[in-house]
């Protein structure tokens, strides 16, 4: 899925069932309802695709200009983020 044209997005989704099931393999869980995803779609297309697929009560899709820094998020999230090809001029790992 990682491609030079892909953009990193932060997604918040709340569904009618709580806690909701894992919504999709392309959404990497950070915390309940909070996800990272990478997509070649525009923000609008991604938003509408998630809206149709998940039928959420609340939904937010925000593009990220760079990799986020975080602590205490769900296991595997940081590993997923670090496994992505580094772009946006970031050749050296961020400390």
N, C-alpha and C. Protein backbone atom coordinates (compact mmCIF):
# COMPACT_ATOMS: atom_id res chain seq x y z
N UNK A 1 0.82 -1.19 0.00
CA UNK A 1 0.00 0.00 0.00
C UNK A 1 0.86 1.25 0.00
N UNK A 2 2.06 1.22 0.62
CA UNK A 2 2.91 2.39 0.66
C UNK A 2 3.41 2.72 -0.74
N UNK A 3 3.20 3.93 -1.17
CA UNK A 3 3.56 4.36 -2.51
C UNK A 3 3.95 5.83 -2.41
N UNK A 4 4.74 6.29 -3.37
CA UNK A 4 5.20 7.68 -3.34
C UNK A 4 4.03 8.66 -3.34
N UNK A 5 2.89 8.27 -3.91
CA UNK A 5 1.73 9.17 -3.98
C UNK A 5 0.83 9.04 -2.75
N UNK A 6 1.16 8.16 -1.82
CA UNK A 6 0.31 7.96 -0.65
C UNK A 6 0.49 9.07 0.37
N UNK A 7 -0.58 9.37 1.06
CA UNK A 7 -0.62 10.38 2.12
C UNK A 7 -1.00 9.68 3.42
N UNK A 8 -0.42 10.13 4.51
CA UNK A 8 -0.74 9.60 5.83
C UNK A 8 -1.92 10.40 6.40
N UNK A 9 -2.89 9.68 6.96
CA UNK A 9 -4.08 10.32 7.53
C UNK A 9 -4.31 9.85 8.96
N UNK A 10 -4.84 10.74 9.77
CA UNK A 10 -5.33 10.42 11.10
C UNK A 10 -6.84 10.28 10.97
N UNK A 11 -7.39 9.19 11.49
CA UNK A 11 -8.83 8.92 11.38
C UNK A 11 -9.40 8.68 12.76
N UNK A 12 -10.50 9.35 13.06
CA UNK A 12 -11.27 9.07 14.27
C UNK A 12 -12.62 8.56 13.79
N UNK A 13 -13.03 7.42 14.33
CA UNK A 13 -14.32 6.87 13.95
C UNK A 13 -15.02 6.30 15.17
N UNK A 14 -16.28 6.63 15.29
CA UNK A 14 -17.13 6.08 16.35
C UNK A 14 -18.33 5.45 15.67
N UNK A 15 -18.52 4.16 15.94
CA UNK A 15 -19.65 3.46 15.33
C UNK A 15 -20.75 3.25 16.36
N UNK A 16 -21.86 2.71 15.93
CA UNK A 16 -23.00 2.48 16.82
C UNK A 16 -22.71 1.42 17.87
N UNK A 17 -21.82 0.48 17.56
CA UNK A 17 -21.46 -0.56 18.52
C UNK A 17 -20.19 -0.14 19.24
N UNK A 18 -20.19 -0.29 20.53
CA UNK A 18 -19.03 0.13 21.31
C UNK A 18 -18.63 -0.99 22.25
N UNK A 19 -17.42 -1.46 22.29
CA UNK A 19 -16.38 -1.03 21.35
C UNK A 19 -16.63 -1.65 19.99
N UNK A 20 -16.32 -0.91 18.97
CA UNK A 20 -16.58 -1.40 17.62
C UNK A 20 -15.52 -2.41 17.21
N UNK A 21 -15.87 -3.31 16.32
CA UNK A 21 -14.90 -4.29 15.83
C UNK A 21 -13.84 -3.60 14.99
N UNK A 22 -12.72 -4.26 14.80
CA UNK A 22 -11.67 -3.72 13.95
C UNK A 22 -12.28 -3.35 12.61
N UNK A 23 -12.30 -2.08 12.24
CA UNK A 23 -13.03 -1.65 11.05
C UNK A 23 -12.41 -2.08 9.74
N UNK A 24 -11.10 -2.26 9.68
CA UNK A 24 -10.48 -2.62 8.41
C UNK A 24 -8.99 -2.86 8.61
N UNK A 25 -8.42 -3.73 7.80
CA UNK A 25 -6.98 -3.96 7.93
C UNK A 25 -6.15 -2.76 7.49
N UNK A 26 -6.73 -1.83 6.72
CA UNK A 26 -5.97 -0.66 6.29
C UNK A 26 -5.95 0.45 7.33
N UNK A 27 -6.67 0.29 8.44
CA UNK A 27 -6.65 1.25 9.53
C UNK A 27 -5.81 0.66 10.66
N UNK A 28 -4.77 1.37 11.06
CA UNK A 28 -3.88 0.91 12.13
C UNK A 28 -4.32 1.59 13.42
N UNK A 29 -4.74 0.79 14.40
CA UNK A 29 -5.29 1.32 15.65
C UNK A 29 -4.21 2.00 16.48
N UNK A 30 -4.55 3.19 16.97
CA UNK A 30 -3.72 3.91 17.94
C UNK A 30 -4.33 3.80 19.33
N UNK A 31 -5.63 3.97 19.40
CA UNK A 31 -6.41 3.93 20.63
C UNK A 31 -7.85 3.67 20.19
N UNK A 32 -8.76 3.39 21.12
CA UNK A 32 -10.14 3.14 20.71
C UNK A 32 -10.70 4.28 19.85
N UNK A 33 -11.03 3.94 18.61
CA UNK A 33 -11.60 4.90 17.69
C UNK A 33 -10.61 5.76 16.93
N UNK A 34 -9.33 5.68 17.28
CA UNK A 34 -8.31 6.53 16.67
C UNK A 34 -7.34 5.67 15.85
N UNK A 35 -7.14 6.05 14.59
CA UNK A 35 -6.37 5.22 13.66
C UNK A 35 -5.45 6.06 12.80
N UNK A 36 -4.43 5.39 12.26
CA UNK A 36 -3.62 5.93 11.17
C UNK A 36 -3.93 5.10 9.95
N UNK A 37 -3.87 5.73 8.79
CA UNK A 37 -3.98 5.00 7.54
C UNK A 37 -3.17 5.73 6.49
N UNK A 38 -2.83 5.02 5.45
CA UNK A 38 -2.10 5.59 4.34
C UNK A 38 -2.92 5.31 3.09
N UNK A 39 -3.11 6.34 2.27
CA UNK A 39 -3.96 6.18 1.10
C UNK A 39 -3.51 7.09 -0.03
N UNK A 40 -3.71 6.62 -1.24
CA UNK A 40 -3.48 7.45 -2.43
C UNK A 40 -4.73 8.26 -2.77
N UNK A 41 -5.83 8.00 -2.07
CA UNK A 41 -7.07 8.74 -2.31
C UNK A 41 -6.96 10.15 -1.72
N UNK A 42 -7.78 11.05 -2.21
CA UNK A 42 -7.87 12.37 -1.60
C UNK A 42 -8.55 12.23 -0.24
N UNK A 43 -8.44 13.26 0.58
CA UNK A 43 -9.10 13.24 1.89
C UNK A 43 -10.60 13.02 1.72
N UNK A 44 -11.21 13.69 0.76
CA UNK A 44 -12.65 13.57 0.55
C UNK A 44 -13.04 12.15 0.13
N UNK A 45 -12.30 11.56 -0.80
CA UNK A 45 -12.62 10.20 -1.24
C UNK A 45 -12.44 9.19 -0.11
N UNK A 46 -11.38 9.35 0.66
CA UNK A 46 -11.15 8.46 1.80
C UNK A 46 -12.27 8.61 2.82
N UNK A 47 -12.63 9.84 3.15
CA UNK A 47 -13.71 10.12 4.09
C UNK A 47 -15.01 9.43 3.65
N UNK A 48 -15.38 9.60 2.39
CA UNK A 48 -16.64 9.03 1.91
C UNK A 48 -16.58 7.50 1.82
N UNK A 49 -15.41 6.96 1.49
CA UNK A 49 -15.27 5.50 1.46
C UNK A 49 -15.42 4.92 2.86
N UNK A 50 -14.81 5.56 3.85
CA UNK A 50 -14.95 5.09 5.24
C UNK A 50 -16.39 5.28 5.73
N UNK A 51 -16.99 6.38 5.36
CA UNK A 51 -18.38 6.66 5.77
C UNK A 51 -19.33 5.58 5.24
N UNK A 52 -19.16 5.20 3.98
CA UNK A 52 -20.01 4.15 3.40
C UNK A 52 -19.74 2.80 4.05
N UNK A 53 -18.47 2.48 4.26
CA UNK A 53 -18.09 1.16 4.75
C UNK A 53 -18.43 0.97 6.23
N UNK A 54 -18.25 2.00 7.05
CA UNK A 54 -18.39 1.82 8.50
C UNK A 54 -19.70 2.34 9.08
N UNK A 55 -20.44 3.16 8.34
CA UNK A 55 -21.69 3.75 8.82
C UNK A 55 -21.49 4.35 10.22
N UNK A 56 -20.55 5.30 10.36
CA UNK A 56 -20.21 5.82 11.69
C UNK A 56 -21.21 6.83 12.24
N UNK A 57 -21.15 7.00 13.55
CA UNK A 57 -21.88 8.06 14.23
C UNK A 57 -21.04 9.34 14.15
N UNK A 58 -19.74 9.18 14.34
CA UNK A 58 -18.79 10.29 14.23
C UNK A 58 -17.62 9.82 13.37
N UNK A 59 -17.12 10.74 12.53
CA UNK A 59 -16.00 10.41 11.65
C UNK A 59 -15.18 11.67 11.39
N UNK A 60 -13.87 11.53 11.50
CA UNK A 60 -12.96 12.61 11.15
C UNK A 60 -11.80 12.00 10.37
N UNK A 61 -11.42 12.64 9.28
CA UNK A 61 -10.27 12.23 8.49
C UNK A 61 -9.40 13.47 8.29
N UNK A 62 -8.15 13.39 8.75
CA UNK A 62 -7.25 14.55 8.66
C UNK A 62 -5.91 14.12 8.07
N UNK A 63 -5.45 14.80 7.03
CA UNK A 63 -4.14 14.48 6.48
C UNK A 63 -3.05 14.94 7.44
N UNK A 64 -1.95 14.20 7.47
CA UNK A 64 -0.81 14.55 8.31
C UNK A 64 0.34 14.98 7.41
N UNK A 65 0.97 16.08 7.73
CA UNK A 65 2.09 16.58 6.93
C UNK A 65 3.35 15.75 7.16
N UNK A 66 3.45 15.10 8.30
CA UNK A 66 4.61 14.29 8.63
C UNK A 66 4.19 13.20 9.60
N UNK A 67 5.09 12.27 9.88
CA UNK A 67 4.79 11.21 10.83
C UNK A 67 4.53 11.83 12.21
N UNK A 68 3.48 11.39 12.90
CA UNK A 68 3.20 11.94 14.22
C UNK A 68 4.15 11.35 15.27
N UNK A 69 4.32 12.06 16.35
CA UNK A 69 5.04 11.54 17.52
C UNK A 69 3.96 11.18 18.53
N UNK A 70 4.11 10.03 19.18
CA UNK A 70 3.11 9.62 20.17
C UNK A 70 3.72 8.67 21.17
N UNK A 71 3.02 8.50 22.28
CA UNK A 71 3.43 7.60 23.35
C UNK A 71 2.18 6.94 23.91
N UNK A 72 2.31 5.67 24.25
CA UNK A 72 1.21 4.97 24.92
C UNK A 72 0.09 4.52 24.00
N UNK A 73 0.34 4.48 22.72
CA UNK A 73 -0.70 4.03 21.80
C UNK A 73 -0.67 2.50 21.70
N UNK A 74 -1.61 1.95 20.99
CA UNK A 74 -1.77 0.50 20.89
C UNK A 74 -0.51 -0.17 20.35
N UNK A 75 -0.23 -1.37 20.87
CA UNK A 75 0.94 -2.14 20.44
C UNK A 75 0.93 -2.33 18.93
N UNK A 76 2.08 -2.15 18.32
CA UNK A 76 2.23 -2.35 16.89
C UNK A 76 2.10 -1.07 16.07
N UNK A 77 1.51 -0.02 16.62
CA UNK A 77 1.30 1.21 15.85
C UNK A 77 2.63 1.87 15.48
N UNK A 78 3.53 1.97 16.43
CA UNK A 78 4.82 2.60 16.15
C UNK A 78 5.63 1.75 15.17
N UNK A 79 5.58 0.44 15.31
CA UNK A 79 6.29 -0.45 14.38
C UNK A 79 5.74 -0.27 12.97
N UNK A 80 4.43 -0.17 12.81
CA UNK A 80 3.84 0.05 11.50
C UNK A 80 4.32 1.37 10.91
N UNK A 81 4.31 2.42 11.73
CA UNK A 81 4.73 3.73 11.26
C UNK A 81 6.19 3.71 10.82
N UNK A 82 7.03 3.08 11.60
CA UNK A 82 8.46 3.01 11.28
C UNK A 82 8.75 2.12 10.08
N UNK A 83 7.88 1.17 9.78
CA UNK A 83 8.11 0.25 8.66
C UNK A 83 7.79 0.89 7.31
N UNK A 84 7.08 2.01 7.34
CA UNK A 84 6.73 2.69 6.09
C UNK A 84 7.97 3.34 5.49
N UNK A 85 8.05 3.40 4.17
CA UNK A 85 9.16 4.13 3.54
C UNK A 85 9.12 5.59 3.97
N UNK A 86 10.26 6.13 4.35
CA UNK A 86 10.32 7.54 4.78
C UNK A 86 10.30 8.44 3.56
N UNK A 87 9.46 9.45 3.63
CA UNK A 87 9.36 10.41 2.53
C UNK A 87 9.36 11.80 3.12
N UNK A 88 8.94 12.74 2.33
CA UNK A 88 8.85 14.14 2.75
C UNK A 88 10.19 14.67 3.23
N UNK A 89 11.29 14.19 2.62
CA UNK A 89 12.61 14.72 2.93
C UNK A 89 13.19 14.24 4.24
N UNK A 90 12.57 13.26 4.87
CA UNK A 90 13.04 12.78 6.16
C UNK A 90 13.92 11.55 5.95
N UNK A 91 15.19 11.75 5.66
CA UNK A 91 16.10 10.63 5.41
C UNK A 91 16.56 9.95 6.68
N UNK A 92 16.76 10.70 7.73
CA UNK A 92 17.24 10.14 9.00
C UNK A 92 16.07 9.85 9.91
N UNK A 93 16.17 8.79 10.71
CA UNK A 93 15.09 8.50 11.66
C UNK A 93 14.89 9.64 12.63
N UNK A 94 13.66 9.89 12.97
CA UNK A 94 13.31 10.95 13.91
C UNK A 94 13.51 10.46 15.33
N UNK A 95 14.17 11.24 16.15
CA UNK A 95 14.43 10.83 17.54
C UNK A 95 13.37 11.37 18.47
